[in-house]
Amino acid sequence: MNYYPLVSETYWVIGIESVTLGDAHFKDLKGVVDTGTSVIVGPKNMIAELTKAIPSQPDCKNLS
């Protein structure tokens, strides 16, 4: 387990040095520690670039 100092106590915000997925690389970000979700949220251009590198097709037709 690692300790990361909070940038803000609002939503447990921490600083993120970098995120890399495939060819997508982003530096000096803020993130929210939330172990109860699988949602990726952020600026549209950043999320679009990151999700291009995830080899999957979303299929929500069977959700109730």
PDB file of N, CA and C in Angstrom:
ATOM      1  N   MET A   1       0.849  -1.159   0.000  1.00  0.00           N
ATOM      2  CA  MET A   1       0.000   0.000   0.000  1.00  0.00           C
ATOM      3  C   MET A   1       0.903   1.232   0.000  1.00  0.00           C
ATOM      4  N   ASN A   2       0.511   2.229  -0.742  1.00  0.00           N
ATOM      5  CA  ASN A   2       1.254   3.483  -0.814  1.00  0.00           C
ATOM      6  C   ASN A   2       0.423   4.632  -0.263  1.00  0.00           C
ATOM      7  N   TYR A   3       1.099   5.597   0.314  1.00  0.00           N
ATOM      8  CA  TYR A   3       0.453   6.799   0.810  1.00  0.00           C
ATOM      9  C   TYR A   3       0.643   7.918  -0.210  1.00  0.00           C
ATOM     10  N   TYR A   4      -0.431   8.607  -0.537  1.00  0.00           N
ATOM     11  CA  TYR A   4      -0.385   9.766  -1.423  1.00  0.00           C
ATOM     12  C   TYR A   4      -1.077  10.916  -0.717  1.00  0.00           C
ATOM     13  N   PRO A   5      -0.411  12.065  -0.585  1.00  0.00           N
ATOM     14  CA  PRO A   5      -1.040  13.190   0.099  1.00  0.00           C
ATOM     15  C   PRO A   5      -2.222  13.727  -0.703  1.00  0.00           C
ATOM     16  N   LEU A   6      -3.247  14.179   0.001  1.00  0.00           N
ATOM     17  CA  LEU A   6      -4.415  14.749  -0.670  1.00  0.00           C
ATOM     18  C   LEU A   6      -4.102  16.139  -1.195  1.00  0.00           C
ATOM     19  N   VAL A   7      -4.568  16.412  -2.409  1.00  0.00           N
ATOM     20  CA  VAL A   7      -4.515  17.752  -2.988  1.00  0.00           C
ATOM     21  C   VAL A   7      -5.720  18.529  -2.466  1.00  0.00           C
ATOM     22  N   SER A   8      -6.824  17.807  -2.277  1.00  0.00           N
ATOM     23  CA  SER A   8      -8.064  18.378  -1.752  1.00  0.00           C
ATOM     24  C   SER A   8      -8.830  17.266  -1.056  1.00  0.00           C
ATOM     25  N   GLU A   9      -9.473  17.563   0.052  1.00  0.00           N
ATOM     26  CA  GLU A   9     -10.282  16.564   0.738  1.00  0.00           C
ATOM     27  C   GLU A   9     -11.627  16.368   0.060  1.00  0.00           C
ATOM     28  N   THR A  10     -11.946  17.201  -0.910  1.00  0.00           N
ATOM     29  CA  THR A  10     -13.166  17.030  -1.681  1.00  0.00           C
ATOM     30  C   THR A  10     -12.985  15.811  -2.583  1.00  0.00           C
ATOM     31  N   TYR A  11     -13.762  14.789  -2.400  1.00  0.00           N
ATOM     32  CA  TYR A  11     -13.692  13.554  -3.190  1.00  0.00           C
ATOM     33  C   TYR A  11     -12.324  12.874  -3.136  1.00  0.00           C
ATOM     34  N   TRP A  12     -11.523  13.084  -2.105  1.00  0.00           N
ATOM     35  CA  TRP A  12     -10.222  12.426  -1.947  1.00  0.00           C
ATOM     36  C   TRP A  12      -9.339  12.613  -3.184  1.00  0.00           C
ATOM     37  N   VAL A  13      -9.098  13.860  -3.556  1.00  0.00           N
ATOM     38  CA  VAL A  13      -8.299  14.199  -4.745  1.00  0.00           C
ATOM     39  C   VAL A  13      -6.812  14.076  -4.431  1.00  0.00           C
ATOM     40  N   ILE A  14      -6.099  13.352  -5.313  1.00  0.00           N
ATOM     41  CA  ILE A  14      -4.647  13.212  -5.183  1.00  0.00           C
ATOM     42  C   ILE A  14      -3.978  13.689  -6.466  1.00  0.00           C
ATOM     43  N   GLY A  15      -2.696  13.998  -6.391  1.00  0.00           N
ATOM     44  CA  GLY A  15      -1.923  14.339  -7.581  1.00  0.00           C
ATOM     45  C   GLY A  15      -1.475  13.061  -8.270  1.00  0.00           C
ATOM     46  N   ILE A  16      -1.479  13.056  -9.583  1.00  0.00           N
ATOM     47  CA  ILE A  16      -1.028  11.905 -10.376  1.00  0.00           C
ATOM     48  C   ILE A  16       0.115  12.379 -11.257  1.00  0.00           C
ATOM     49  N   GLU A  17       1.270  11.745 -11.098  1.00  0.00           N
ATOM     50  CA  GLU A  17       2.449  12.139 -11.870  1.00  0.00           C
ATOM     51  C   GLU A  17       2.241  11.891 -13.364  1.00  0.00           C
ATOM     52  N   SER A  18       1.766  10.694 -13.723  1.00  0.00           N
ATOM     53  CA  SER A  18       1.521  10.408 -15.133  1.00  0.00           C
ATOM     54  C   SER A  18       0.608   9.207 -15.291  1.00  0.00           C
ATOM     55  N   VAL A  19      -0.034   9.141 -16.462  1.00  0.00           N
ATOM     56  CA  VAL A  19      -0.876   8.013 -16.854  1.00  0.00           C
ATOM     57  C   VAL A  19      -0.472   7.639 -18.266  1.00  0.00           C
ATOM     58  N   THR A  20      -0.189   6.363 -18.492  1.00  0.00           N
ATOM     59  CA  THR A  20       0.167   5.883 -19.833  1.00  0.00           C
ATOM     60  C   THR A  20      -0.662   4.645 -20.135  1.00  0.00           C
ATOM     61  N   LEU A  21      -1.270   4.617 -21.316  1.00  0.00           N
ATOM     62  CA  LEU A  21      -2.008   3.463 -21.792  1.00  0.00           C
ATOM     63  C   LEU A  21      -1.790   3.408 -23.291  1.00  0.00           C
ATOM     64  N   GLY A  22      -1.095   2.397 -23.769  1.00  0.00           N
ATOM     65  CA  GLY A  22      -0.746   2.333 -25.186  1.00  0.00           C
ATOM     66  C   GLY A  22       0.132   3.521 -25.542  1.00  0.00           C
ATOM     67  N   ASP A  23      -0.237   4.246 -26.583  1.00  0.00           N
ATOM     68  CA  ASP A  23       0.505   5.433 -27.012  1.00  0.00           C
ATOM     69  C   ASP A  23       0.052   6.701 -26.289  1.00  0.00           C
ATOM     70  N   ALA A  24      -1.019   6.626 -25.531  1.00  0.00           N
ATOM     71  CA  ALA A  24      -1.537   7.799 -24.812  1.00  0.00           C
ATOM     72  C   ALA A  24      -0.720   8.013 -23.538  1.00  0.00           C
ATOM     73  N   HIS A  25      -0.249   9.239 -23.345  1.00  0.00           N
ATOM     74  CA  HIS A  25       0.540   9.565 -22.154  1.00  0.00           C
ATOM     75  C   HIS A  25       0.169  10.964 -21.687  1.00  0.00           C
ATOM     76  N   PHE A  26      -0.178  11.082 -20.403  1.00  0.00           N
ATOM     77  CA  PHE A  26      -0.563  12.356 -19.818  1.00  0.00           C
ATOM     78  C   PHE A  26       0.225  12.557 -18.536  1.00  0.00           C
ATOM     79  N   LYS A  27       0.593  13.801 -18.247  1.00  0.00           N
ATOM     80  CA  LYS A  27       1.397  14.112 -17.069  1.00  0.00           C
ATOM     81  C   LYS A  27       0.723  15.170 -16.207  1.00  0.00           C
ATOM     82  N   ASP A  28       1.118  15.189 -14.939  1.00  0.00           N
ATOM     83  CA  ASP A  28       0.671  16.208 -13.977  1.00  0.00           C
ATOM     84  C   ASP A  28      -0.851  16.338 -13.926  1.00  0.00           C
ATOM     85  N   LEU A  29      -1.500  15.299 -13.453  1.00  0.00           N
ATOM     86  CA  LEU A  29      -2.958  15.250 -13.380  1.00  0.00           C
ATOM     87  C   LEU A  29      -3.419  15.247 -11.937  1.00  0.00           C
ATOM     88  N   LYS A  30      -4.715  15.319 -11.755  1.00  0.00           N
ATOM     89  CA  LYS A  30      -5.349  15.102 -10.451  1.00  0.00           C
ATOM     90  C   LYS A  30      -6.298  13.931 -10.626  1.00  0.00           C
ATOM     91  N   GLY A  31      -6.434  13.131  -9.593  1.00  0.00           N
ATOM     92  CA  GLY A  31      -7.322  11.984  -9.654  1.00  0.00           C
ATOM     93  C   GLY A  31      -8.121  11.856  -8.375  1.00  0.00           C
ATOM     94  N   VAL A  32      -9.201  11.114  -8.452  1.00  0.00           N
ATOM     95  CA  VAL A  32     -10.061  10.881  -7.299  1.00  0.00           C
ATOM     96  C   VAL A  32      -9.935   9.412  -6.912  1.00  0.00           C
ATOM     97  N   VAL A  33      -9.660   9.163  -5.646  1.00  0.00           N
ATOM     98  CA  VAL A  33      -9.574   7.803  -5.141  1.00  0.00           C
ATOM     99  C   VAL A  33     -10.991   7.335  -4.831  1.00  0.00           C
ATOM    100  N   ASP A  34     -11.479   6.369  -5.602  1.00  0.00           N
ATOM    101  CA  ASP A  34     -12.831   5.853  -5.416  1.00  0.00           C
ATOM    102  C   ASP A  34     -12.819   4.376  -5.771  1.00  0.00           C
ATOM    103  N   THR A  35     -12.719   3.522  -4.786  1.00  0.00           N
ATOM    104  CA  THR A  35     -12.646   2.087  -5.046  1.00  0.00           C
ATOM    105  C   THR A  35     -14.001   1.469  -5.362  1.00  0.00           C
ATOM    106  N   GLY A  36     -15.054   2.256  -5.342  1.00  0.00           N
ATOM    107  CA  GLY A  36     -16.384   1.727  -5.580  1.00  0.00           C
ATOM    108  C   GLY A  36     -16.927   1.999  -6.965  1.00  0.00           C
ATOM    109  N   THR A  37     -16.076   2.338  -7.928  1.00  0.00           N
ATOM    110  CA  THR A  37     -16.564   2.630  -9.273  1.00  0.00           C
ATOM    111  C   THR A  37     -15.585   2.134 -10.317  1.00  0.00           C
ATOM    112  N   SER A  38     -16.090   1.885 -11.515  1.00  0.00           N
ATOM    113  CA  SER A  38     -15.237   1.501 -12.639  1.00  0.00           C
ATOM    114  C   SER A  38     -15.295   2.559 -13.741  1.00  0.00           C
ATOM    115  N   VAL A  39     -15.790   3.722 -13.404  1.00  0.00           N
ATOM    116  CA  VAL A  39     -15.976   4.804 -14.362  1.00  0.00           C
ATOM    117  C   VAL A  39     -14.665   5.567 -14.549  1.00  0.00           C
ATOM    118  N   ILE A  40     -14.363   5.903 -15.805  1.00  0.00           N
ATOM    119  CA  ILE A  40     -13.221   6.765 -16.108  1.00  0.00           C
ATOM    120  C   ILE A  40     -13.790   8.107 -16.541  1.00  0.00           C
ATOM    121  N   VAL A  41     -13.458   9.165 -15.819  1.00  0.00           N
ATOM    122  CA  VAL A  41     -14.009  10.487 -16.089  1.00  0.00           C
ATOM    123  C   VAL A  41     -12.860  11.478 -16.227  1.00  0.00           C
ATOM    124  N   GLY A  42     -13.002  12.422 -17.142  1.00  0.00           N
ATOM    125  CA  GLY A  42     -11.993  13.451 -17.324  1.00  0.00           C
ATOM    126  C   GLY A  42     -12.300  14.277 -18.547  1.00  0.00           C
ATOM    127  N   PRO A  43     -11.356  15.125 -18.958  1.00  0.00           N
ATOM    128  CA  PRO A  43     -11.551  15.927 -20.166  1.00  0.00           C
ATOM    129  C   PRO A  43     -11.794  15.028 -21.379  1.00  0.00           C
ATOM    130  N   LYS A  44     -12.739  15.421 -22.238  1.00  0.00           N
ATOM    131  CA  LYS A  44     -13.141  14.587 -23.376  1.00  0.00           C
ATOM    132  C   LYS A  44     -11.966  14.133 -24.236  1.00  0.00           C
ATOM    133  N   ASN A  45     -11.045  15.036 -24.555  1.00  0.00           N
ATOM    134  CA  ASN A  45      -9.939  14.661 -25.442  1.00  0.00           C
ATOM    135  C   ASN A  45      -9.020  13.634 -24.781  1.00  0.00           C
ATOM    136  N   MET A  46      -8.781  13.770 -23.486  1.00  0.00           N
ATOM    137  CA  MET A  46      -7.928  12.828 -22.779  1.00  0.00           C
ATOM    138  C   MET A  46      -8.589  11.454 -22.684  1.00  0.00           C
ATOM    139  N   ILE A  47      -9.852  11.410 -22.308  1.00  0.00           N
ATOM    140  CA  ILE A  47     -10.567  10.142 -22.167  1.00  0.00           C
ATOM    141  C   ILE A  47     -10.711   9.455 -23.518  1.00  0.00           C
ATOM    142  N   ALA A  48     -10.980  10.210 -24.575  1.00  0.00           N
ATOM    143  CA  ALA A  48     -11.090   9.623 -25.915  1.00  0.00           C
ATOM    144  C   ALA A  48      -9.781   8.955 -26.318  1.00  0.00           C
ATOM    145  N   GLU A  49      -8.662   9.601 -26.042  1.00  0.00           N
ATOM    146  CA  GLU A  49      -7.363   9.028 -26.386  1.00  0.00           C
ATOM    147  C   GLU A  49      -7.072   7.779 -25.552  1.00  0.00           C
ATOM    148  N   LEU A  50      -7.393   7.825 -24.275  1.00  0.00           N
ATOM    149  CA  LEU A  50      -7.163   6.661 -23.419  1.00  0.00           C
ATOM    150  C   LEU A  50      -8.043   5.476 -23.818  1.00  0.00           C
ATOM    151  N   THR A  51      -9.317   5.720 -24.068  1.00  0.00           N
ATOM    152  CA  THR A  51     -10.221   4.613 -24.376  1.00  0.00           C
ATOM    153  C   THR A  51      -9.940   3.986 -25.731  1.00  0.00           C
ATOM    154  N   LYS A  52      -9.299   4.708 -26.650  1.00  0.00           N
ATOM    155  CA  LYS A  52      -8.895   4.098 -27.920  1.00  0.00           C
ATOM    156  C   LYS A  52      -7.911   2.962 -27.684  1.00  0.00           C
ATOM    157  N   ALA A  53      -7.131   3.042 -26.623  1.00  0.00           N
ATOM    158  CA  ALA A  53      -6.111   2.042 -26.334  1.00  0.00           C
ATOM    159  C   ALA A  53      -6.663   0.827 -25.583  1.00  0.00           C
ATOM    160  N   ILE A  54      -7.927   0.866 -25.169  1.00  0.00           N
ATOM    161  CA  ILE A  54      -8.529  -0.261 -24.452  1.00  0.00           C
ATOM    162  C   ILE A  54      -9.180  -1.184 -25.485  1.00  0.00           C
ATOM    163  N   PRO A  55      -8.676  -2.416 -25.588  1.00  0.00           N
ATOM    164  CA  PRO A  55      -9.188  -3.334 -26.629  1.00  0.00           C
ATOM    165  C   PRO A  55     -10.526  -3.973 -26.253  1.00  0.00           C
ATOM    166  N   SER A  56     -11.588  -3.201 -26.325  1.00  0.00           N
ATOM    167  CA  SER A  56     -12.909  -3.741 -26.016  1.00  0.00           C
ATOM    168  C   SER A  56     -13.993  -2.936 -26.713  1.00  0.00           C
ATOM    169  N   GLN A  57     -15.122  -3.541 -26.860  1.00  0.00           N
ATOM    170  CA  GLN A  57     -16.296  -2.882 -27.406  1.00  0.00           C
ATOM    171  C   GLN A  57     -17.362  -2.874 -26.318  1.00  0.00           C
ATOM    172  N   PRO A  58     -17.816  -1.694 -25.916  1.00  0.00           N
ATOM    173  CA  PRO A  58     -18.865  -1.672 -24.883  1.00  0.00           C
ATOM    174  C   PRO A  58     -20.163  -2.269 -25.415  1.00  0.00           C
ATOM    175  N   ASP A  59     -20.811  -3.056 -24.587  1.00  0.00           N
ATOM    176  CA  ASP A  59     -22.084  -3.671 -24.955  1.00  0.00           C
ATOM    177  C   ASP A  59     -23.032  -3.525 -23.772  1.00  0.00           C
ATOM    178  N   CYS A  60     -23.901  -2.552 -23.851  1.00  0.00           N
ATOM    179  CA  CYS A  60     -24.807  -2.267 -22.742  1.00  0.00           C
ATOM    180  C   CYS A  60     -26.234  -2.749 -23.016  1.00  0.00           C
ATOM    181  N   LYS A  61     -26.440  -3.505 -24.082  1.00  0.00           N
ATOM    182  CA  LYS A  61     -27.816  -3.874 -24.458  1.00  0.00           C
ATOM    183  C   LYS A  61     -28.479  -4.814 -23.470  1.00  0.00           C
ATOM    184  N   ASN A  62     -27.690  -5.536 -22.658  1.00  0.00           N
ATOM    185  CA  ASN A  62     -28.286  -6.483 -21.713  1.00  0.00           C
ATOM    186  C   ASN A  62     -28.376  -5.935 -20.296  1.00  0.00           C
ATOM    187  N   LEU A  63     -28.129  -4.655 -20.124  1.00  0.00           N
ATOM    188  CA  LEU A  63     -28.227  -4.058 -18.790  1.00  0.00           C
ATOM    189  C   LEU A  63     -29.682  -3.803 -18.444  1.00  0.00           C
ATOM    190  N   SER A  64     -30.018  -4.002 -17.189  1.00  0.00           N
ATOM    191  CA  SER A  64     -31.412  -3.755 -16.790  1.00  0.00           C
ATOM    192  C   SER A  64     -31.507  -2.513 -15.956  1.00  0.00           C
TER     193      SER A  64
END
